[in-house]
Amino acid sequence: MADIRFDGKVAIVTGAGGGLGRQHALELARRGAKVLVNDLGGSMDGSGGNSAAAEAVVAEIKALGGEAIANGSSVTDDAGVARMIKDAMDAWGRIDILIANAGILRDKSFSKMTIEDFELVLNVHLMGTMKPTKAVWEIMKAQNYGRIVVTTSSSGLYGNFGQSNYGAAKLGIIGFMNTIKLEGQKNNIHINAISPVAATRMTEGLMPPEVLEKLKPEYVTPGVVYLASEEAPTGAILTAGAGVFALSRIIETEGVYLGEGGLSVEEVRDNWSKITDEAGQKAYFAGGEQGQKFFRKMAGG
């Protein structure tokens, strides 16, 4: 099969000044894409900022013979996001790919976490994914083409101590994806999620060096670039790390119809094993499929 190429395509990668985002931007550029490298240049907790990191990645891309521009906007700032889109459109006249990668951490146990810690992380990850997506949406619809890759986490999919804010945001991104994958289908807009495990400044203090060595960001990027390609599925949650790739799904059991007359708490308790029986469980593509099952079971199906 032919190599995956992005000649003539324009990509925006947020949080691309280092770590995963940098690798995504470099690989897209190597494969022919023109890349807007976005990075606020702030610290890991979201404070401060300058465009030096983004400019450095642009220099790397140009040294490879590629084409790129830098942008220092915050993904949470409406005017900044508008400027990011304008920069790409002024330079190249289209936007084919958005990789929403920007993020911060403010890890604390829920007892010690402030409301500010929670809101800020939710704002950067969830709203900072939605706002650039909203900004490119009509452009992609007009082109009848778009590929969006959002970034989730095992902390959102499965939980992680000290990351209630981060986990809530990361699973919120999946809820966002699950709806706009349906809305984008008629205009050939595919949206998928990557759940990475990688050695970046956000994880360097969490694992020993010998483990981090096995978790290089470049071991995740091939999955992201595939999800950004013309051949990409839509609505997939791809988990990736250390060269391992897997698909994560939200699964629902077949369940059991307990009737309506006299339905009680005790019936739920007494039928728990049937409710949770894994035989016949499914991953639904749209919420309506769950409703269809309910009516089927009510009818005796």
Protein backbone atom coordinates (compact mmCIF):
# COMPACT_ATOMS: atom_id res chain seq x y z
CA MET A 1 0.00 0.00 0.00
CA ALA A 2 1.06 3.58 -0.63
CA ASP A 3 2.54 5.71 2.14
CA ILE A 4 0.18 8.11 3.91
CA ARG A 5 0.88 11.62 2.70
CA PHE A 6 -0.51 15.08 3.47
CA ASP A 7 0.65 17.03 0.42
CA GLY A 8 -1.59 20.06 -0.07
CA LYS A 9 -3.12 19.66 3.39
CA VAL A 10 -2.98 22.23 6.18
CA ALA A 11 -2.80 21.18 9.83
CA ILE A 12 -3.13 23.04 13.12
CA VAL A 13 -1.53 21.37 16.15
CA THR A 14 -2.21 22.96 19.53
CA GLY A 15 0.27 22.61 22.37
CA ALA A 16 2.91 21.78 19.77
CA GLY A 17 5.91 23.51 21.36
CA GLY A 18 7.16 20.28 22.95
CA GLY A 19 6.35 16.69 23.86
CA LEU A 20 3.57 14.98 21.94
CA GLY A 21 2.42 18.04 20.02
CA ARG A 22 5.91 18.70 18.68
CA GLN A 23 6.22 15.14 17.43
CA HIS A 24 2.78 15.31 15.78
CA ALA A 25 3.68 18.57 14.02
CA LEU A 26 7.05 17.27 12.82
CA GLU A 27 5.62 14.03 11.43
CA LEU A 28 2.79 15.80 9.61
CA ALA A 29 5.35 18.16 8.09
CA ARG A 30 7.62 15.27 7.06
CA ARG A 31 4.67 13.82 5.20
CA GLY A 32 3.93 17.00 3.30
CA ALA A 33 1.51 18.99 5.45
CA LYS A 34 1.78 22.70 6.04
CA VAL A 35 1.61 23.14 9.81
CA LEU A 36 0.53 25.92 12.13
CA VAL A 37 2.41 25.24 15.36
CA ASN A 38 0.40 26.59 18.26
CA ASP A 39 1.80 26.84 21.77
CA LEU A 40 1.13 29.33 24.54
CA GLY A 41 4.55 28.56 25.97
CA GLY A 42 3.26 28.56 29.54
CA SER A 43 4.35 26.45 32.47
CA MET A 44 2.81 23.05 33.18
CA ASP A 45 0.19 24.59 35.49
CA GLY A 46 -0.89 27.03 32.78
CA SER A 47 0.86 30.18 34.02
CA GLY A 48 3.06 32.47 31.94
CA GLY A 49 3.63 32.15 28.22
CA ASN A 50 5.64 33.12 25.16
CA SER A 51 5.94 31.89 21.57
CA ALA A 52 9.59 30.74 21.74
CA ALA A 53 8.69 27.04 21.92
CA ALA A 54 6.42 27.26 18.87
CA GLU A 55 9.05 29.22 16.94
CA ALA A 56 11.65 26.54 17.71
CA VAL A 57 9.43 23.79 16.27
CA VAL A 58 8.77 25.91 13.18
CA ALA A 59 12.53 26.21 12.73
CA GLU A 60 12.84 22.42 12.96
CA ILE A 61 10.16 21.96 10.31
CA LYS A 62 11.79 24.48 8.00
CA ALA A 63 15.14 22.73 8.46
CA LEU A 64 13.45 19.57 7.17
CA GLY A 65 12.32 21.47 4.08
CA GLY A 66 8.75 21.85 5.32
CA GLU A 67 6.43 24.83 5.63
CA ALA A 68 5.18 26.08 9.00
CA ILE A 69 4.18 29.13 10.98
CA ALA A 70 4.07 29.74 14.73
CA ASN A 71 1.15 30.95 16.83
CA GLY A 72 1.20 31.74 20.53
CA SER A 73 -2.53 31.93 21.24
CA SER A 74 -4.19 30.36 24.26
CA VAL A 75 -6.77 27.76 23.26
CA THR A 76 -9.08 29.16 25.95
CA ASP A 77 -9.06 32.72 24.58
CA ASP A 78 -11.73 33.44 21.96
CA ALA A 79 -9.77 36.22 20.28
CA GLY A 80 -6.61 34.12 20.36
CA VAL A 81 -8.33 31.14 18.77
CA ALA A 82 -9.79 33.40 16.08
CA ARG A 83 -6.30 34.75 15.41
CA MET A 84 -4.91 31.20 15.15
CA ILE A 85 -7.49 30.30 12.50
CA LYS A 86 -6.92 33.59 10.66
CA ASP A 87 -3.16 32.98 10.61
CA ALA A 88 -3.65 29.59 8.96
CA MET A 89 -6.24 30.84 6.47
CA ASP A 90 -4.19 33.92 5.55
CA ALA A 91 -1.13 31.75 4.95
CA TRP A 92 -2.68 28.81 3.12
CA GLY A 93 -6.40 29.38 2.50
CA ARG A 94 -7.69 26.15 4.07
CA ILE A 95 -7.55 23.99 7.20
CA ASP A 96 -7.79 20.22 6.79
CA ILE A 97 -6.57 18.90 10.13
CA LEU A 98 -6.89 19.98 13.74
CA ILE A 99 -4.99 18.13 16.44
CA ALA A 100 -6.18 19.40 19.83
CA ASN A 101 -3.28 18.54 22.11
CA ALA A 102 -2.81 21.51 24.45
CA GLY A 103 -3.16 20.82 28.16
CA ILE A 104 -2.08 21.56 31.72
CA LEU A 105 -2.07 19.75 35.05
CA ARG A 106 -3.04 20.82 38.56
CA ASP A 107 -3.00 17.49 40.35
CA LYS A 108 -4.31 17.28 43.91
CA SER A 109 -6.56 14.93 45.83
CA PHE A 110 -10.18 16.03 45.66
CA SER A 111 -10.07 17.07 49.33
CA LYS A 112 -7.23 19.50 48.66
CA MET A 113 -8.29 20.69 45.20
CA THR A 114 -9.69 24.20 44.90
CA ILE A 115 -12.60 25.14 42.65
CA GLU A 116 -10.10 27.28 40.70
CA ASP A 117 -7.89 24.22 40.10
CA PHE A 118 -10.89 22.31 38.79
CA GLU A 119 -12.27 25.07 36.57
CA LEU A 120 -8.91 25.98 35.04
CA VAL A 121 -8.07 22.41 34.01
CA LEU A 122 -11.61 21.89 32.66
CA ASN A 123 -11.32 25.14 30.73
CA VAL A 124 -7.98 24.33 29.10
CA HIS A 125 -8.72 20.73 28.19
CA LEU A 126 -12.44 20.69 27.41
CA MET A 127 -13.14 24.25 26.30
CA GLY A 128 -9.65 24.42 24.79
CA THR A 129 -10.63 21.49 22.58
CA MET A 130 -14.11 22.76 21.76
CA LYS A 131 -13.13 26.34 20.85
CA PRO A 132 -10.59 25.50 18.10
CA THR A 133 -12.95 22.80 16.82
CA LYS A 134 -15.80 25.29 16.65
CA ALA A 135 -13.52 27.75 14.87
CA VAL A 136 -12.57 25.29 12.10
CA TRP A 137 -15.96 23.58 11.82
CA GLU A 138 -17.58 25.79 9.17
CA ILE A 139 -14.33 25.86 7.17
CA MET A 140 -14.23 22.06 7.11
CA LYS A 141 -17.93 21.85 6.24
CA ALA A 142 -17.41 24.21 3.28
CA GLN A 143 -14.45 22.11 2.12
CA ASN A 144 -16.46 18.92 2.64
CA TYR A 145 -13.38 17.57 4.38
CA GLY A 146 -11.86 17.64 7.82
CA ARG A 147 -9.93 15.47 10.24
CA ILE A 148 -9.94 16.30 13.96
CA VAL A 149 -7.96 14.45 16.62
CA VAL A 150 -8.76 15.23 20.25
CA THR A 151 -6.69 14.12 23.23
CA THR A 152 -8.24 12.11 26.05
CA SER A 153 -6.56 10.14 28.84
CA SER A 154 -6.79 6.94 30.83
CA SER A 155 -7.48 9.28 33.77
CA GLY A 156 -10.78 10.17 32.12
CA LEU A 157 -11.56 6.73 30.75
CA TYR A 158 -10.68 4.78 33.90
CA GLY A 159 -9.69 7.21 36.67
CA ASN A 160 -6.46 8.20 38.39
CA PHE A 161 -5.87 9.34 41.97
CA GLY A 162 -5.40 13.09 42.28
CA GLN A 163 -6.80 13.94 38.85
CA SER A 164 -10.54 14.49 39.30
CA ASN A 165 -10.29 17.79 37.37
CA TYR A 166 -8.19 16.33 34.56
CA GLY A 167 -10.24 13.13 34.40
CA ALA A 168 -13.53 15.02 34.20
CA ALA A 169 -12.21 17.17 31.35
CA LYS A 170 -10.76 14.23 29.46
CA LEU A 171 -13.96 12.19 29.59
CA GLY A 172 -15.94 15.32 28.70
CA ILE A 173 -13.91 15.45 25.49
CA ILE A 174 -15.19 11.96 24.61
CA GLY A 175 -18.79 13.09 25.11
CA PHE A 176 -18.07 16.05 22.83
CA MET A 177 -16.52 13.79 20.20
CA ASN A 178 -19.37 11.29 20.32
CA THR A 179 -21.88 13.93 19.23
CA ILE A 180 -19.91 15.87 16.63
CA LYS A 181 -18.77 12.64 14.94
CA LEU A 182 -22.46 12.24 14.02
CA GLU A 183 -22.90 15.85 12.96
CA GLY A 184 -19.76 15.83 10.81
CA GLN A 185 -20.43 12.67 8.83
CA LYS A 186 -22.38 14.25 5.96
CA ASN A 187 -19.52 16.68 5.35
CA ASN A 188 -16.72 14.10 5.51
CA ILE A 189 -15.47 15.43 8.85
CA HIS A 190 -14.01 12.62 10.95
CA ILE A 191 -13.13 13.09 14.61
CA ASN A 192 -11.20 10.62 16.73
CA ALA A 193 -9.48 10.60 20.12
CA ILE A 194 -5.99 9.59 21.17
CA SER A 195 -5.34 8.43 24.73
CA PRO A 196 -1.55 8.62 25.03
CA VAL A 197 0.94 7.37 27.59
CA ALA A 198 4.16 9.25 26.93
CA ALA A 199 7.19 10.81 28.57
CA THR A 200 6.53 14.54 28.49
CA ARG A 201 6.97 17.34 31.01
CA MET A 202 3.48 16.45 32.27
CA THR A 203 4.61 12.92 33.20
CA GLU A 204 8.33 13.23 33.88
CA GLY A 205 7.85 13.47 37.63
CA LEU A 206 5.48 10.53 37.80
CA MET A 207 7.69 7.68 36.55
CA PRO A 208 11.33 6.57 36.86
CA PRO A 209 13.74 7.46 33.99
CA GLU A 210 14.04 3.87 32.75
CA VAL A 211 10.26 3.72 32.26
CA LEU A 212 10.09 7.14 30.63
CA GLU A 213 12.70 5.99 28.11
CA LYS A 214 10.22 3.38 26.87
CA LEU A 215 7.48 5.98 26.56
CA LYS A 216 8.85 8.41 24.00
CA PRO A 217 6.26 10.72 22.40
CA GLU A 218 7.30 9.47 18.95
CA TYR A 219 5.86 6.06 19.89
CA VAL A 220 2.38 7.66 20.03
CA THR A 221 2.55 9.93 16.99
CA PRO A 222 2.03 7.26 14.28
CA GLY A 223 -1.43 6.59 15.70
CA VAL A 224 -2.29 10.29 15.78
CA VAL A 225 -1.12 10.84 12.22
CA TYR A 226 -3.19 7.87 11.02
CA LEU A 227 -6.26 9.36 12.74
CA ALA A 228 -5.55 12.61 10.89
CA SER A 229 -5.35 10.92 7.49
CA GLU A 230 -7.95 10.51 4.74
CA GLU A 231 -8.23 6.83 5.70
CA ALA A 232 -9.15 7.58 9.34
CA PRO A 233 -12.24 6.07 10.98
CA THR A 234 -14.52 8.31 13.00
CA GLY A 235 -15.43 8.14 16.68
CA ALA A 236 -12.53 5.89 17.66
CA ILE A 237 -10.65 6.13 20.96
CA LEU A 238 -7.12 4.95 20.22
CA THR A 239 -4.90 4.24 23.22
CA ALA A 240 -1.16 4.38 22.59
CA GLY A 241 2.14 4.14 24.43
CA ALA A 242 5.52 2.39 24.19
CA GLY A 243 4.64 1.22 20.67
CA VAL A 244 1.41 -0.46 21.84
CA PHE A 245 -1.91 0.53 20.24
CA ALA A 246 -5.39 -0.53 21.33
CA LEU A 247 -9.01 0.58 20.96
CA SER A 248 -11.02 1.73 23.98
CA ARG A 249 -14.81 1.51 23.90
CA ILE A 250 -17.73 2.33 26.15
CA ILE A 251 -19.57 -0.98 26.47
CA GLU A 252 -23.19 -1.60 27.52
CA THR A 253 -24.54 -5.00 28.56
CA GLU A 254 -27.69 -6.43 26.99
CA GLY A 255 -29.44 -6.07 30.34
CA VAL A 256 -32.82 -7.45 31.37
CA TYR A 257 -36.43 -6.23 31.17
CA LEU A 258 -37.97 -6.27 34.65
CA GLY A 259 -41.40 -5.00 33.65
CA GLU A 260 -43.25 -1.90 34.80
CA GLY A 261 -45.91 -3.06 37.23
CA GLY A 262 -44.59 -3.36 40.76
CA LEU A 263 -41.02 -2.57 39.77
CA SER A 264 -38.95 -2.24 42.94
CA VAL A 265 -35.47 -1.62 44.28
CA GLU A 266 -35.35 -5.26 45.38
CA GLU A 267 -35.94 -6.46 41.81
CA VAL A 268 -32.93 -4.47 40.66
CA ARG A 269 -30.87 -6.00 43.48
CA ASP A 270 -32.09 -9.54 42.83
CA ASN A 271 -31.40 -9.28 39.09
CA TRP A 272 -28.01 -7.62 39.37
CA SER A 273 -26.21 -10.62 37.88
CA LYS A 274 -28.46 -10.49 34.79
CA ILE A 275 -28.11 -6.70 34.47
CA THR A 276 -24.33 -7.02 34.51
CA ASP A 277 -24.03 -10.19 32.40
CA GLU A 278 -21.38 -9.49 29.73
CA ALA A 279 -22.90 -11.87 27.17
CA GLY A 280 -24.08 -9.88 24.15
CA GLN A 281 -22.68 -6.56 25.35
CA LYS A 282 -22.11 -3.90 22.68
CA ALA A 283 -20.39 -0.60 21.99
CA TYR A 284 -22.99 1.75 20.51
CA PHE A 285 -22.12 4.34 17.86
CA ALA A 286 -24.99 6.66 18.79
CA GLY A 287 -27.23 7.13 21.82
CA GLY A 288 -30.38 6.17 19.93
CA GLU A 289 -29.16 2.59 19.72
CA GLN A 290 -29.56 2.29 23.48
CA GLY A 291 -33.15 3.48 23.23
CA GLN A 292 -33.85 0.98 20.45
CA LYS A 293 -32.61 -1.82 22.72
CA PHE A 294 -34.89 -0.69 25.55
CA PHE A 295 -37.96 -0.82 23.30
CA ARG A 296 -36.87 -4.16 21.81
CA LYS A 297 -36.54 -5.73 25.24
CA MET A 298 -39.84 -4.24 26.37
CA ALA A 299 -41.46 -5.91 23.36
CA GLY A 300 -39.94 -9.24 24.36
CA GLY A 301 -36.99 -9.16 21.96
